[in-house]
Amino acid sequence: MASEARLYTFSQETKDHLRKFRLGTSRSNDPQAVIYMIDKTTKEIRQDDDKVVYKTLEEIGDDLPDHSPRFVLLSYPLTLPSGRLSVPYVMLYYMPSTCNSAMRMLYAGAKELMRNTSEVTKIIDIESPEELEEIPGKLGAA
């Protein structure tokens, strides 16, 4: 992680937002998600420009770009087959098959750093917005 930490940066505002989002969503009854991107010139990992907190998987899918990767932090309350309520906090690693190799390398290099900084429990790789429909099943929903 040491080399990634030198290449990529997080502003203090971003670190504070990551922590606040993680703690604030742990008891939520509704899905919540935020989209993060890497600034190509500064290598800063930050929330996307509109700073929206998404409430549905469909909203996330509508805002994911067609040719650029993104990190999506998702808190998704669900009922497990045992009947117990669970609120997994995961990162969706969105890597469309149409993005160029430079962007693939940029995001691949930051994947573990983003995982550790955001303190998610799991990473789910997706290539298209359509794969968002499979997320509840991947998280173990009943």
N, C-alpha and C. Protein backbone atom coordinates (compact mmCIF):
# COMPACT_ATOMS: atom_id res chain seq x y z
N MET A 1 0.82 -1.19 0.00
CA MET A 1 0.00 0.00 0.00
C MET A 1 0.86 1.25 0.00
N ALA A 2 2.08 1.17 0.42
CA ALA A 2 2.93 2.35 0.53
C ALA A 2 3.10 3.06 -0.81
N SER A 3 3.31 2.30 -1.88
CA SER A 3 3.51 2.96 -3.17
C SER A 3 2.22 3.61 -3.67
N GLU A 4 1.06 2.96 -3.42
CA GLU A 4 -0.21 3.56 -3.84
C GLU A 4 -0.46 4.85 -3.08
N ALA A 5 -0.09 4.86 -1.80
CA ALA A 5 -0.34 6.04 -0.97
C ALA A 5 0.47 7.24 -1.47
N ARG A 6 1.61 6.99 -2.09
CA ARG A 6 2.40 8.10 -2.63
C ARG A 6 1.86 8.59 -3.97
N LEU A 7 1.27 7.70 -4.74
CA LEU A 7 0.78 8.06 -6.07
C LEU A 7 -0.59 8.73 -6.01
N TYR A 8 -1.49 8.18 -5.21
CA TYR A 8 -2.86 8.69 -5.12
C TYR A 8 -3.05 9.48 -3.83
N THR A 9 -3.94 10.48 -3.86
CA THR A 9 -4.17 11.28 -2.67
C THR A 9 -5.66 11.38 -2.36
N PHE A 10 -5.94 11.63 -1.10
CA PHE A 10 -7.29 11.93 -0.61
C PHE A 10 -7.19 13.26 0.11
N SER A 11 -8.10 14.19 -0.18
CA SER A 11 -8.13 15.43 0.59
C SER A 11 -8.69 15.09 1.97
N GLN A 12 -8.46 15.96 2.94
CA GLN A 12 -9.01 15.73 4.27
C GLN A 12 -10.54 15.73 4.21
N GLU A 13 -11.09 16.57 3.36
CA GLU A 13 -12.55 16.61 3.18
C GLU A 13 -13.07 15.26 2.71
N THR A 14 -12.36 14.63 1.76
CA THR A 14 -12.77 13.33 1.26
C THR A 14 -12.67 12.27 2.34
N LYS A 15 -11.57 12.27 3.10
CA LYS A 15 -11.42 11.30 4.19
C LYS A 15 -12.54 11.46 5.21
N ASP A 16 -12.86 12.70 5.55
CA ASP A 16 -13.95 12.96 6.50
C ASP A 16 -15.28 12.47 5.95
N HIS A 17 -15.52 12.71 4.65
CA HIS A 17 -16.77 12.27 4.03
C HIS A 17 -16.86 10.75 4.02
N LEU A 18 -15.75 10.07 3.71
CA LEU A 18 -15.75 8.60 3.70
C LEU A 18 -16.13 8.06 5.08
N ARG A 19 -15.55 8.63 6.11
CA ARG A 19 -15.82 8.17 7.47
C ARG A 19 -17.27 8.47 7.86
N LYS A 20 -17.74 9.67 7.57
CA LYS A 20 -19.09 10.07 7.90
C LYS A 20 -20.11 9.20 7.16
N PHE A 21 -19.85 8.91 5.90
CA PHE A 21 -20.75 8.08 5.11
C PHE A 21 -20.80 6.66 5.68
N ARG A 22 -19.64 6.10 5.99
CA ARG A 22 -19.59 4.73 6.54
C ARG A 22 -20.36 4.64 7.85
N LEU A 23 -20.12 5.58 8.74
CA LEU A 23 -20.78 5.54 10.04
C LEU A 23 -22.28 5.87 9.94
N GLY A 24 -22.62 6.79 9.05
CA GLY A 24 -24.01 7.23 8.91
C GLY A 24 -24.92 6.23 8.23
N THR A 25 -24.35 5.31 7.46
CA THR A 25 -25.18 4.36 6.72
C THR A 25 -25.35 3.04 7.45
N SER A 26 -24.59 2.81 8.50
CA SER A 26 -24.59 1.49 9.14
C SER A 26 -25.93 1.11 9.74
N ARG A 27 -26.77 2.09 10.08
CA ARG A 27 -28.08 1.79 10.67
C ARG A 27 -29.24 2.24 9.77
N SER A 28 -28.93 2.52 8.54
CA SER A 28 -29.95 3.03 7.61
C SER A 28 -30.90 1.91 7.18
N ASN A 29 -32.14 2.28 6.93
CA ASN A 29 -33.12 1.32 6.42
C ASN A 29 -33.22 1.35 4.90
N ASP A 30 -32.57 2.32 4.28
CA ASP A 30 -32.63 2.48 2.83
C ASP A 30 -31.23 2.36 2.23
N PRO A 31 -31.15 1.87 1.00
CA PRO A 31 -29.85 1.83 0.33
C PRO A 31 -29.29 3.25 0.16
N GLN A 32 -27.98 3.37 0.29
CA GLN A 32 -27.32 4.65 0.05
C GLN A 32 -26.01 4.36 -0.66
N ALA A 33 -25.67 5.23 -1.61
CA ALA A 33 -24.43 5.03 -2.36
C ALA A 33 -23.86 6.38 -2.77
N VAL A 34 -22.54 6.42 -2.90
CA VAL A 34 -21.85 7.58 -3.44
C VAL A 34 -20.84 7.09 -4.47
N ILE A 35 -20.60 7.91 -5.48
CA ILE A 35 -19.68 7.54 -6.55
C ILE A 35 -18.40 8.35 -6.40
N TYR A 36 -17.26 7.64 -6.47
CA TYR A 36 -15.95 8.28 -6.39
C TYR A 36 -15.20 8.08 -7.70
N MET A 37 -14.35 9.04 -8.01
CA MET A 37 -13.57 9.00 -9.25
C MET A 37 -12.13 9.41 -8.93
N ILE A 38 -11.25 9.20 -9.88
CA ILE A 38 -9.85 9.64 -9.76
C ILE A 38 -9.63 10.76 -10.76
N ASP A 39 -9.14 11.89 -10.26
CA ASP A 39 -8.77 13.00 -11.14
C ASP A 39 -7.51 12.58 -11.90
N LYS A 40 -7.59 12.55 -13.22
CA LYS A 40 -6.47 12.05 -14.03
C LYS A 40 -5.20 12.87 -13.88
N THR A 41 -5.32 14.17 -13.68
CA THR A 41 -4.12 15.01 -13.62
C THR A 41 -3.49 15.04 -12.24
N THR A 42 -4.31 15.15 -11.19
CA THR A 42 -3.75 15.25 -9.83
C THR A 42 -3.66 13.91 -9.11
N LYS A 43 -4.32 12.88 -9.65
CA LYS A 43 -4.40 11.55 -9.03
C LYS A 43 -5.11 11.59 -7.68
N GLU A 44 -5.97 12.60 -7.51
CA GLU A 44 -6.75 12.68 -6.28
C GLU A 44 -8.02 11.84 -6.42
N ILE A 45 -8.29 11.02 -5.41
CA ILE A 45 -9.52 10.25 -5.38
C ILE A 45 -10.54 11.11 -4.64
N ARG A 46 -11.66 11.37 -5.32
CA ARG A 46 -12.66 12.27 -4.73
C ARG A 46 -14.05 11.87 -5.20
N GLN A 47 -15.05 12.41 -4.50
CA GLN A 47 -16.43 12.15 -4.89
C GLN A 47 -16.69 12.83 -6.23
N ASP A 48 -17.58 12.23 -7.03
CA ASP A 48 -17.87 12.84 -8.33
C ASP A 48 -18.46 14.23 -8.14
N ASP A 49 -18.48 15.01 -9.20
CA ASP A 49 -18.77 16.44 -9.12
C ASP A 49 -20.14 16.80 -8.57
N ASP A 50 -21.16 15.97 -8.83
CA ASP A 50 -22.49 16.36 -8.35
C ASP A 50 -22.75 15.99 -6.89
N LYS A 51 -21.88 15.17 -6.29
CA LYS A 51 -21.93 14.83 -4.85
C LYS A 51 -23.30 14.32 -4.40
N VAL A 52 -23.94 13.52 -5.23
CA VAL A 52 -25.25 12.96 -4.93
C VAL A 52 -25.10 11.73 -4.03
N VAL A 53 -26.04 11.57 -3.09
CA VAL A 53 -26.16 10.32 -2.35
C VAL A 53 -27.33 9.58 -2.99
N TYR A 54 -27.03 8.47 -3.64
CA TYR A 54 -28.03 7.72 -4.40
C TYR A 54 -28.84 6.83 -3.46
N LYS A 55 -30.13 6.66 -3.78
CA LYS A 55 -31.03 5.87 -2.94
C LYS A 55 -31.46 4.56 -3.58
N THR A 56 -31.21 4.39 -4.88
CA THR A 56 -31.58 3.14 -5.55
C THR A 56 -30.46 2.71 -6.49
N LEU A 57 -30.45 1.42 -6.79
CA LEU A 57 -29.46 0.91 -7.74
C LEU A 57 -29.70 1.48 -9.13
N GLU A 58 -30.96 1.76 -9.47
CA GLU A 58 -31.28 2.33 -10.78
C GLU A 58 -30.67 3.72 -10.93
N GLU A 59 -30.74 4.53 -9.88
CA GLU A 59 -30.15 5.87 -9.92
C GLU A 59 -28.65 5.79 -10.15
N ILE A 60 -28.01 4.84 -9.50
CA ILE A 60 -26.56 4.67 -9.68
C ILE A 60 -26.28 4.33 -11.13
N GLY A 61 -27.02 3.36 -11.67
CA GLY A 61 -26.83 2.93 -13.05
C GLY A 61 -27.01 4.05 -14.05
N ASP A 62 -27.96 4.94 -13.77
CA ASP A 62 -28.20 6.07 -14.68
C ASP A 62 -27.02 7.04 -14.71
N ASP A 63 -26.28 7.14 -13.60
CA ASP A 63 -25.19 8.12 -13.52
C ASP A 63 -23.80 7.56 -13.79
N LEU A 64 -23.67 6.26 -13.97
CA LEU A 64 -22.36 5.70 -14.27
C LEU A 64 -21.99 6.00 -15.72
N PRO A 65 -20.77 6.49 -15.96
CA PRO A 65 -20.37 6.82 -17.33
C PRO A 65 -20.17 5.55 -18.18
N ASP A 66 -20.31 5.69 -19.49
CA ASP A 66 -20.19 4.54 -20.38
C ASP A 66 -18.75 4.06 -20.57
N HIS A 67 -17.77 4.98 -20.49
CA HIS A 67 -16.40 4.61 -20.85
C HIS A 67 -15.37 4.91 -19.77
N SER A 68 -15.80 5.23 -18.54
CA SER A 68 -14.86 5.55 -17.47
C SER A 68 -15.14 4.72 -16.24
N PRO A 69 -14.10 4.21 -15.59
CA PRO A 69 -14.29 3.44 -14.36
C PRO A 69 -14.72 4.35 -13.20
N ARG A 70 -15.28 3.76 -12.16
CA ARG A 70 -15.65 4.47 -10.96
C ARG A 70 -15.61 3.52 -9.77
N PHE A 71 -15.47 4.09 -8.58
CA PHE A 71 -15.64 3.37 -7.34
C PHE A 71 -16.99 3.79 -6.78
N VAL A 72 -17.84 2.84 -6.43
CA VAL A 72 -19.15 3.16 -5.85
C VAL A 72 -19.20 2.55 -4.46
N LEU A 73 -19.36 3.39 -3.45
CA LEU A 73 -19.52 2.89 -2.09
C LEU A 73 -21.00 2.70 -1.85
N LEU A 74 -21.37 1.51 -1.41
CA LEU A 74 -22.77 1.14 -1.30
C LEU A 74 -23.07 0.53 0.06
N SER A 75 -24.08 1.09 0.73
CA SER A 75 -24.63 0.50 1.94
C SER A 75 -26.01 0.00 1.55
N TYR A 76 -26.21 -1.32 1.66
CA TYR A 76 -27.43 -1.91 1.10
C TYR A 76 -28.13 -2.80 2.13
N PRO A 77 -29.11 -2.25 2.86
CA PRO A 77 -29.84 -3.07 3.84
C PRO A 77 -30.61 -4.18 3.15
N LEU A 78 -30.55 -5.37 3.72
CA LEU A 78 -31.28 -6.50 3.15
C LEU A 78 -31.60 -7.51 4.23
N THR A 79 -32.56 -8.38 3.92
CA THR A 79 -32.92 -9.45 4.84
C THR A 79 -32.26 -10.73 4.36
N LEU A 80 -31.53 -11.36 5.25
CA LEU A 80 -30.83 -12.60 4.93
C LEU A 80 -31.82 -13.76 4.92
N PRO A 81 -31.46 -14.91 4.32
CA PRO A 81 -32.36 -16.07 4.33
C PRO A 81 -32.77 -16.49 5.75
N SER A 82 -31.94 -16.20 6.73
CA SER A 82 -32.27 -16.54 8.13
C SER A 82 -33.32 -15.59 8.71
N GLY A 83 -33.67 -14.51 7.97
CA GLY A 83 -34.64 -13.55 8.46
C GLY A 83 -34.00 -12.36 9.17
N ARG A 84 -32.70 -12.41 9.34
CA ARG A 84 -31.98 -11.34 10.03
C ARG A 84 -31.71 -10.17 9.08
N LEU A 85 -31.79 -8.94 9.62
CA LEU A 85 -31.47 -7.76 8.82
C LEU A 85 -29.96 -7.55 8.81
N SER A 86 -29.42 -7.27 7.64
CA SER A 86 -27.99 -7.01 7.48
C SER A 86 -27.81 -5.75 6.66
N VAL A 87 -26.76 -4.98 6.97
CA VAL A 87 -26.48 -3.77 6.20
C VAL A 87 -25.02 -3.84 5.73
N PRO A 88 -24.74 -4.63 4.67
CA PRO A 88 -23.37 -4.71 4.18
C PRO A 88 -22.91 -3.38 3.58
N TYR A 89 -21.65 -3.07 3.81
CA TYR A 89 -21.02 -1.86 3.26
C TYR A 89 -19.95 -2.33 2.31
N VAL A 90 -20.18 -2.14 1.01
CA VAL A 90 -19.30 -2.71 -0.01
C VAL A 90 -18.87 -1.63 -1.00
N MET A 91 -17.84 -1.97 -1.77
CA MET A 91 -17.41 -1.10 -2.85
C MET A 91 -17.68 -1.82 -4.17
N LEU A 92 -18.37 -1.14 -5.07
CA LEU A 92 -18.55 -1.64 -6.42
C LEU A 92 -17.42 -1.07 -7.26
N TYR A 93 -16.65 -1.95 -7.85
CA TYR A 93 -15.53 -1.53 -8.70
C TYR A 93 -16.03 -1.59 -10.13
N TYR A 94 -16.46 -0.44 -10.65
CA TYR A 94 -17.07 -0.35 -11.97
C TYR A 94 -15.99 -0.13 -13.02
N MET A 95 -15.80 -1.13 -13.88
CA MET A 95 -14.79 -1.08 -14.91
C MET A 95 -15.42 -1.50 -16.24
N PRO A 96 -15.97 -0.53 -17.00
CA PRO A 96 -16.61 -0.91 -18.27
C PRO A 96 -15.60 -1.49 -19.25
N SER A 97 -16.05 -2.45 -20.03
CA SER A 97 -15.14 -3.10 -20.98
C SER A 97 -14.67 -2.14 -22.06
N THR A 98 -15.34 -1.01 -22.23
CA THR A 98 -14.99 -0.06 -23.28
C THR A 98 -13.97 1.00 -22.84
N CYS A 99 -13.52 0.98 -21.59
CA CYS A 99 -12.59 2.04 -21.16
C CYS A 99 -11.17 1.71 -21.62
N ASN A 100 -10.37 2.76 -21.79
CA ASN A 100 -9.02 2.56 -22.34
C ASN A 100 -8.06 2.00 -21.29
N SER A 101 -6.94 1.50 -21.75
CA SER A 101 -6.00 0.83 -20.86
C SER A 101 -5.37 1.77 -19.83
N ALA A 102 -5.18 3.03 -20.17
CA ALA A 102 -4.61 3.98 -19.20
C ALA A 102 -5.54 4.15 -18.01
N MET A 103 -6.85 4.26 -18.28
CA MET A 103 -7.82 4.38 -17.19
C MET A 103 -7.91 3.09 -16.39
N ARG A 104 -7.83 1.96 -17.05
CA ARG A 104 -7.84 0.66 -16.35
C ARG A 104 -6.68 0.59 -15.35
N MET A 105 -5.51 0.99 -15.80
CA MET A 105 -4.33 0.95 -14.93
C MET A 105 -4.45 1.93 -13.77
N LEU A 106 -4.96 3.12 -14.05
CA LEU A 106 -5.12 4.15 -13.04
C LEU A 106 -6.02 3.64 -11.90
N TYR A 107 -7.16 3.06 -12.26
CA TYR A 107 -8.11 2.59 -11.25
C TYR A 107 -7.66 1.29 -10.60
N ALA A 108 -7.02 0.41 -11.37
CA ALA A 108 -6.54 -0.85 -10.78
C ALA A 108 -5.50 -0.57 -9.70
N GLY A 109 -4.66 0.43 -9.93
CA GLY A 109 -3.63 0.77 -8.95
C GLY A 109 -4.19 1.34 -7.66
N ALA A 110 -5.38 1.93 -7.73
CA ALA A 110 -5.98 2.57 -6.55
C ALA A 110 -7.02 1.70 -5.85
N LYS A 111 -7.32 0.55 -6.41
CA LYS A 111 -8.41 -0.29 -5.90
C LYS A 111 -8.22 -0.65 -4.42
N GLU A 112 -7.07 -1.18 -4.06
CA GLU A 112 -6.84 -1.60 -2.67
C GLU A 112 -6.73 -0.40 -1.73
N LEU A 113 -6.15 0.68 -2.20
CA LEU A 113 -6.06 1.89 -1.37
C LEU A 113 -7.47 2.41 -1.07
N MET A 114 -8.33 2.43 -2.07
CA MET A 114 -9.71 2.88 -1.86
C MET A 114 -10.43 1.93 -0.91
N ARG A 115 -10.19 0.64 -1.06
CA ARG A 115 -10.82 -0.34 -0.17
C ARG A 115 -10.41 -0.09 1.28
N ASN A 116 -9.13 0.09 1.50
CA ASN A 116 -8.62 0.28 2.87
C ASN A 116 -9.04 1.63 3.45
N THR A 117 -9.04 2.67 2.64
CA THR A 117 -9.39 4.00 3.13
C THR A 117 -10.88 4.10 3.44
N SER A 118 -11.71 3.48 2.61
CA SER A 118 -13.16 3.54 2.82
C SER A 118 -13.64 2.51 3.85
N GLU A 119 -12.80 1.53 4.15
CA GLU A 119 -13.10 0.48 5.14
C GLU A 119 -14.31 -0.37 4.77
N VAL A 120 -14.46 -0.67 3.48
CA VAL A 120 -15.54 -1.56 3.04
C VAL A 120 -15.21 -3.00 3.42
N THR A 121 -16.25 -3.83 3.49
CA THR A 121 -16.05 -5.23 3.84
C THR A 121 -15.83 -6.13 2.63
N LYS A 122 -16.23 -5.64 1.45
CA LYS A 122 -16.15 -6.49 0.25
C LYS A 122 -16.08 -5.61 -0.99
N ILE A 123 -15.42 -6.12 -2.03
CA ILE A 123 -15.41 -5.44 -3.34
C ILE A 123 -16.15 -6.33 -4.33
N ILE A 124 -17.06 -5.72 -5.08
CA ILE A 124 -17.78 -6.44 -6.13
C ILE A 124 -17.43 -5.78 -7.46
N ASP A 125 -16.86 -6.55 -8.37
CA ASP A 125 -16.49 -6.03 -9.69
C ASP A 125 -17.70 -6.08 -10.63
N ILE A 126 -17.96 -4.96 -11.30
CA ILE A 126 -19.02 -4.93 -12.32
C ILE A 126 -18.49 -4.25 -13.57
N GLU A 127 -19.04 -4.65 -14.72
CA GLU A 127 -18.61 -4.07 -16.00
C GLU A 127 -19.69 -3.23 -16.66
N SER A 128 -20.94 -3.36 -16.22
CA SER A 128 -22.02 -2.59 -16.85
C SER A 128 -23.06 -2.23 -15.80
N PRO A 129 -23.79 -1.14 -16.03
CA PRO A 129 -24.86 -0.76 -15.09
C PRO A 129 -25.92 -1.85 -14.93
N GLU A 130 -26.12 -2.69 -15.95
CA GLU A 130 -27.10 -3.76 -15.87
C GLU A 130 -26.76 -4.76 -14.76
N GLU A 131 -25.48 -4.91 -14.46
CA GLU A 131 -25.06 -5.85 -13.41
C GLU A 131 -25.48 -5.40 -12.01
N LEU A 132 -25.90 -4.15 -11.88
CA LEU A 132 -26.37 -3.67 -10.57
C LEU A 132 -27.58 -4.45 -10.08
N GLU A 133 -28.39 -4.98 -11.00
CA GLU A 133 -29.56 -5.75 -10.63
C GLU A 133 -29.18 -7.02 -9.85
N GLU A 134 -27.96 -7.52 -10.05
CA GLU A 134 -27.52 -8.75 -9.40
C GLU A 134 -26.93 -8.51 -8.00
N ILE A 135 -26.76 -7.26 -7.62
CA ILE A 135 -26.11 -6.93 -6.35
C ILE A 135 -26.82 -7.53 -5.14
N PRO A 136 -28.15 -7.40 -5.00
CA PRO A 136 -28.78 -8.00 -3.81
C PRO A 136 -28.47 -9.49 -3.67
N GLY A 137 -28.48 -10.22 -4.77
CA GLY A 137 -28.15 -11.64 -4.71
C GLY A 137 -26.72 -11.90 -4.31
N LYS A 138 -25.80 -11.07 -4.81
CA LYS A 138 -24.39 -11.22 -4.46
C LYS A 138 -24.13 -10.91 -2.99
N LEU A 139 -25.01 -10.06 -2.40
CA LEU A 139 -24.86 -9.71 -1.00
C LEU A 139 -25.59 -10.71 -0.08
N GLY A 140 -26.32 -11.66 -0.67
CA GLY A 140 -26.96 -12.69 0.14
C GLY A 140 -28.39 -12.41 0.52
N ALA A 141 -29.10 -11.60 -0.24
CA ALA A 141 -30.50 -11.28 0.07
C ALA A 141 -31.37 -12.53 -0.04
N ALA A 142 -32.42 -12.55 0.74
CA ALA A 142 -33.35 -13.69 0.72
C ALA A 142 -34.23 -13.61 -0.51
